[in-house]
C-alpha atoms as a PDB file:
ATOM      1  CA  MET A   1      15.173-136.297-158.235  1.00  0.00           C
ATOM      2  CA  VAL A   2      14.444-133.080-156.003  1.00  0.00           C
ATOM      3  CA  GLN A   3      16.945-131.275-154.264  1.00  0.00           C
ATOM      4  CA  LEU A   4      16.732-128.936-151.015  1.00  0.00           C
ATOM      5  CA  ILE A   5      19.250-126.523-150.163  1.00  0.00           C
ATOM      6  CA  VAL A   6      17.520-124.701-146.647  1.00  0.00           C
ATOM      7  CA  GLY A   7      17.809-121.941-145.144  1.00  0.00           C
ATOM      8  CA  LYS A   8      16.056-118.188-143.066  1.00  0.00           C
ATOM      9  CA  LYS A   9      16.210-116.305-145.438  1.00  0.00           C
ATOM     10  CA  GLY A  10      19.910-114.036-145.425  1.00  0.00           C
ATOM     11  CA  LYS A  11      21.816-116.544-145.129  1.00  0.00           C
ATOM     12  CA  GLY A  12      23.656-117.388-148.914  1.00  0.00           C
ATOM     13  CA  LYS A  13      20.946-120.154-150.525  1.00  0.00           C
ATOM     14  CA  THR A  14      21.843-117.914-154.468  1.00  0.00           C
ATOM     15  CA  LYS A  15      24.598-118.052-153.585  1.00  0.00           C
ATOM     16  CA  GLN A  16      24.889-122.514-152.360  1.00  0.00           C
ATOM     17  CA  LEU A  17      22.606-122.397-155.959  1.00  0.00           C
ATOM     18  CA  LEU A  18      24.383-120.428-158.100  1.00  0.00           C
ATOM     19  CA  ASP A  19      27.468-122.766-157.582  1.00  0.00           C
ATOM     20  CA  LYS A  20      25.773-125.063-158.226  1.00  0.00           C
ATOM     21  CA  VAL A  21      24.226-124.255-161.688  1.00  0.00           C
ATOM     22  CA  ASN A  22      27.199-122.811-163.251  1.00  0.00           C
ATOM     23  CA  SER A  23      29.338-126.238-161.825  1.00  0.00           C
ATOM     24  CA  GLU A  24      26.713-128.898-163.227  1.00  0.00           C
ATOM     25  CA  VAL A  25      26.195-127.595-166.668  1.00  0.00           C
ATOM     26  CA  LYS A  26      29.548-128.025-167.346  1.00  0.00           C
ATOM     27  CA  GLU A  27      29.546-131.818-166.812  1.00  0.00           C
ATOM     28  CA  ILE A  28      26.617-132.407-167.305  1.00  0.00           C
ATOM     29  CA  SER A  29      24.955-133.144-171.593  1.00  0.00           C
ATOM     30  CA  GLY A  30      21.530-132.254-171.901  1.00  0.00           C
ATOM     31  CA  ASN A  31      20.251-127.798-170.780  1.00  0.00           C
ATOM     32  CA  VAL A  32      19.643-126.696-167.267  1.00  0.00           C
ATOM     33  CA  VAL A  33      16.953-123.617-166.406  1.00  0.00           C
ATOM     34  CA  TYR A  34      17.011-121.047-163.385  1.00  0.00           C
ATOM     35  CA  LEU A  35      13.552-119.844-162.558  1.00  0.00           C
ATOM     36  CA  ASP A  36      14.151-117.154-160.244  1.00  0.00           C
ATOM     37  CA  LYS A  37      11.570-114.098-159.037  1.00  0.00           C
ATOM     38  CA  ASN A  38      13.282-111.891-161.148  1.00  0.00           C
ATOM     39  CA  ALA A  39      17.047-111.370-163.697  1.00  0.00           C
ATOM     40  CA  ARG A  40      18.898-109.573-161.203  1.00  0.00           C
ATOM     41  CA  HIS A  41      20.598-113.371-161.191  1.00  0.00           C
ATOM     42  CA  MET A  42      21.428-112.852-165.378  1.00  0.00           C
ATOM     43  CA  TYR A  43      25.426-112.380-165.235  1.00  0.00           C
ATOM     44  CA  GLU A  44      26.510-114.503-162.450  1.00  0.00           C
ATOM     45  CA  LEU A  45      25.151-117.901-164.293  1.00  0.00           C
ATOM     46  CA  ASN A  46      26.201-119.747-166.731  1.00  0.00           C
ATOM     47  CA  ASN A  47      25.316-118.568-170.810  1.00  0.00           C
ATOM     48  CA  LYS A  48      24.342-122.086-171.113  1.00  0.00           C
ATOM     49  CA  VAL A  49      22.104-122.159-168.941  1.00  0.00           C
ATOM     50  CA  ARG A  50      18.319-120.804-169.348  1.00  0.00           C
ATOM     51  CA  LEU A  51      17.192-118.354-167.298  1.00  0.00           C
ATOM     52  CA  VAL A  52      13.306-117.495-166.700  1.00  0.00           C
ATOM     53  CA  ASP A  53      11.522-114.457-165.187  1.00  0.00           C
ATOM     54  CA  VAL A  54       8.717-116.801-163.392  1.00  0.00           C
ATOM     55  CA  SER A  55       7.141-113.161-162.480  1.00  0.00           C
ATOM     56  CA  GLN A  56       6.647-112.659-166.360  1.00  0.00           C
ATOM     57  CA  PHE A  57       3.957-114.498-166.124  1.00  0.00           C
ATOM     58  CA  MET A  58       0.931-114.106-163.798  1.00  0.00           C
ATOM     59  CA  ILE A  59       1.333-117.509-161.653  1.00  0.00           C
ATOM     60  CA  GLU A  60      -0.834-116.653-159.094  1.00  0.00           C
ATOM     61  CA  ASN A  61      -0.248-120.121-156.667  1.00  0.00           C
ATOM     62  CA  SER A  62       1.145-123.640-156.720  1.00  0.00           C
ATOM     63  CA  SER A  63      -0.470-125.138-159.271  1.00  0.00           C
ATOM     64  CA  GLU A  64      -0.181-123.301-161.706  1.00  0.00           C
ATOM     65  CA  PHE A  65       3.380-122.686-160.621  1.00  0.00           C
ATOM     66  CA  LEU A  66       3.444-126.760-161.448  1.00  0.00           C
ATOM     67  CA  GLY A  67       1.798-126.353-164.589  1.00  0.00           C
ATOM     68  CA  PHE A  68       4.398-123.876-165.485  1.00  0.00           C
ATOM     69  CA  VAL A  69       6.835-125.860-164.920  1.00  0.00           C
ATOM     70  CA  ALA A  70       4.923-128.823-166.739  1.00  0.00           C
ATOM     71  CA  GLY A  71       5.310-126.752-169.910  1.00  0.00           C
ATOM     72  CA  VAL A  72       8.932-126.202-169.848  1.00  0.00           C
ATOM     73  CA  ILE A  73      10.038-129.286-169.058  1.00  0.00           C
ATOM     74  CA  SER A  74       7.598-129.903-172.619  1.00  0.00           C
ATOM     75  CA  GLN A  75       9.015-127.981-174.602  1.00  0.00           C
ATOM     76  CA  ASP A  76      12.767-129.056-173.936  1.00  0.00           C
ATOM     77  CA  HIS A  77      13.851-132.598-174.311  1.00  0.00           C
ATOM     78  CA  ASP A  78      17.172-132.426-173.338  1.00  0.00           C
ATOM     79  CA  LEU A  79      16.029-130.665-170.653  1.00  0.00           C
ATOM     80  CA  GLN A  80      18.073-132.263-166.870  1.00  0.00           C
ATOM     81  CA  GLN A  81      18.151-129.910-164.412  1.00  0.00           C
ATOM     82  CA  MET A  82      15.871-126.899-163.080  1.00  0.00           C
ATOM     83  CA  TYR A  83      17.073-125.097-160.023  1.00  0.00           C
ATOM     84  CA  PHE A  84      14.334-123.297-158.867  1.00  0.00           C
ATOM     85  CA  ASP A  85      15.557-119.570-156.139  1.00  0.00           C
ATOM     86  CA  SER A  86      13.422-118.520-153.937  1.00  0.00           C
ATOM     87  CA  PHE A  87      11.217-121.110-154.375  1.00  0.00           C
ATOM     88  CA  LEU A  88       8.481-120.028-151.495  1.00  0.00           C
ATOM     89  CA  THR A  89       7.880-117.194-153.210  1.00  0.00           C
ATOM     90  CA  ILE A  90       7.828-118.219-157.064  1.00  0.00           C
ATOM     91  CA  ALA A  91       6.364-121.089-156.708  1.00  0.00           C
ATOM     92  CA  CYS A  92       3.372-119.468-154.466  1.00  0.00           C
ATOM     93  CA  LEU A  93       3.698-121.124-151.334  1.00  0.00           C
ATOM     94  CA  GLU A  94       4.496-118.514-148.966  1.00  0.00           C
ATOM     95  CA  ASP A  95       2.580-119.648-145.289  1.00  0.00           C
ATOM     96  CA  LYS A  96       1.290-123.445-147.310  1.00  0.00           C
ATOM     97  CA  ASP A  97       2.669-126.874-147.469  1.00  0.00           C
ATOM     98  CA  LEU A  98       4.859-127.093-149.006  1.00  0.00           C
ATOM     99  CA  VAL A  99       5.439-130.900-149.488  1.00  0.00           C
ATOM    100  CA  SER A 100       2.685-131.285-151.911  1.00  0.00           C
ATOM    101  CA  ALA A 101       4.245-130.093-154.529  1.00  0.00           C
ATOM    102  CA  ILE A 102       7.395-131.281-154.505  1.00  0.00           C
ATOM    103  CA  ASP A 103       5.963-134.882-154.391  1.00  0.00           C
ATOM    104  CA  LYS A 104       3.907-133.465-157.994  1.00  0.00           C
ATOM    105  CA  LEU A 105       8.189-132.416-158.753  1.00  0.00           C
ATOM    106  CA  GLU A 106       9.384-135.474-158.326  1.00  0.00           C
ATOM    107  CA  LYS A 107       6.272-137.280-159.768  1.00  0.00           C
ATOM    108  CA  LEU A 108       7.555-135.894-162.674  1.00  0.00           C
ATOM    109  CA  SER A 109      10.950-135.585-161.697  1.00  0.00           C
ATOM    110  CA  ASN A 110      10.685-139.451-162.368  1.00  0.00           C
ATOM    111  CA  SER A 111       8.340-140.041-165.068  1.00  0.00           C
ATOM    112  CA  PHE A 112      10.666-136.808-167.547  1.00  0.00           C
ATOM    113  CA  GLU A 113      14.254-137.591-166.048  1.00  0.00           C
ATOM    114  CA  VAL A 114      14.433-134.057-164.764  1.00  0.00           C
ATOM    115  CA  ASP A 115      16.326-133.182-161.661  1.00  0.00           C
ATOM    116  CA  PHE A 116      15.208-130.191-159.939  1.00  0.00           C
ATOM    117  CA  ILE A 117      17.095-128.682-156.909  1.00  0.00           C
ATOM    118  CA  LEU A 118      15.701-125.435-154.416  1.00  0.00           C
ATOM    119  CA  SER A 119      16.574-122.786-152.854  1.00  0.00           C
ATOM    120  CA  VAL A 120      14.287-122.642-150.053  1.00  0.00           C
ATOM    121  CA  SER A 121      13.712-119.933-147.177  1.00  0.00           C
ATOM    122  CA  GLN A 122      12.798-121.871-143.933  1.00  0.00           C
ATOM    123  CA  ASP A 123      15.225-123.012-141.678  1.00  0.00           C
ATOM    124  CA  LYS A 124      16.029-127.669-141.525  1.00  0.00           C
ATOM    125  CA  SER A 125      14.084-127.697-138.416  1.00  0.00           C
ATOM    126  CA  GLU A 126      10.991-126.199-140.257  1.00  0.00           C
ATOM    127  CA  LEU A 127      10.124-128.512-142.242  1.00  0.00           C
ATOM    128  CA  PRO A 128       8.745-131.577-142.464  1.00  0.00           C
ATOM    129  CA  ALA A 129      10.343-135.301-142.078  1.00  0.00           C
ATOM    130  CA  GLY A 130       9.105-136.392-144.647  1.00  0.00           C
ATOM    131  CA  LEU A 131      12.159-133.709-146.493  1.00  0.00           C
ATOM    132  CA  GLN A 132      15.240-133.935-144.935  1.00  0.00           C
ATOM    133  CA  ASP A 133      15.584-136.376-146.978  1.00  0.00           C
ATOM    134  CA  LYS A 134      16.124-134.476-150.024  1.00  0.00           C
ATOM    135  CA  ILE A 135      18.114-131.528-147.882  1.00  0.00           C
ATOM    136  CA  ILE A 136      21.993-131.738-149.303  1.00  0.00           C
ATOM    137  CA  VAL A 137      22.196-128.046-147.924  1.00  0.00           C
ATOM    138  CA  ALA A 138      21.149-126.762-144.822  1.00  0.00           C
ATOM    139  CA  LEU A 139      22.245-122.887-143.677  1.00  0.00           C
END
């Protein structure tokens, strides 16, 4: 399943994402990975959450990002959830159509039983109709 936390920059999406990951990690049996554009939130995450600073991996487009995500999944058979902070930035999707990338994440989710929770810096009204049902928080 793919879930979205949406809102304009500065509305509090990261705090929502951090609160969600820290509460969820206590209740699930599998592993949790948090992808971010830097390591700034390292000390705000529960120590059971694996933080990955995506900027260190020279990802230049959305295809490379999706390959990176698939690589993370392939290395951890106990992976249950992945959180993506600043999704448009880390997935190289700023000013691009994100429906295709989210569709591919949905396929990965269904194939490998990994849930994806994304923070997206767009207003709810800016998102395509096909993504509206994935929104869990709109700020």
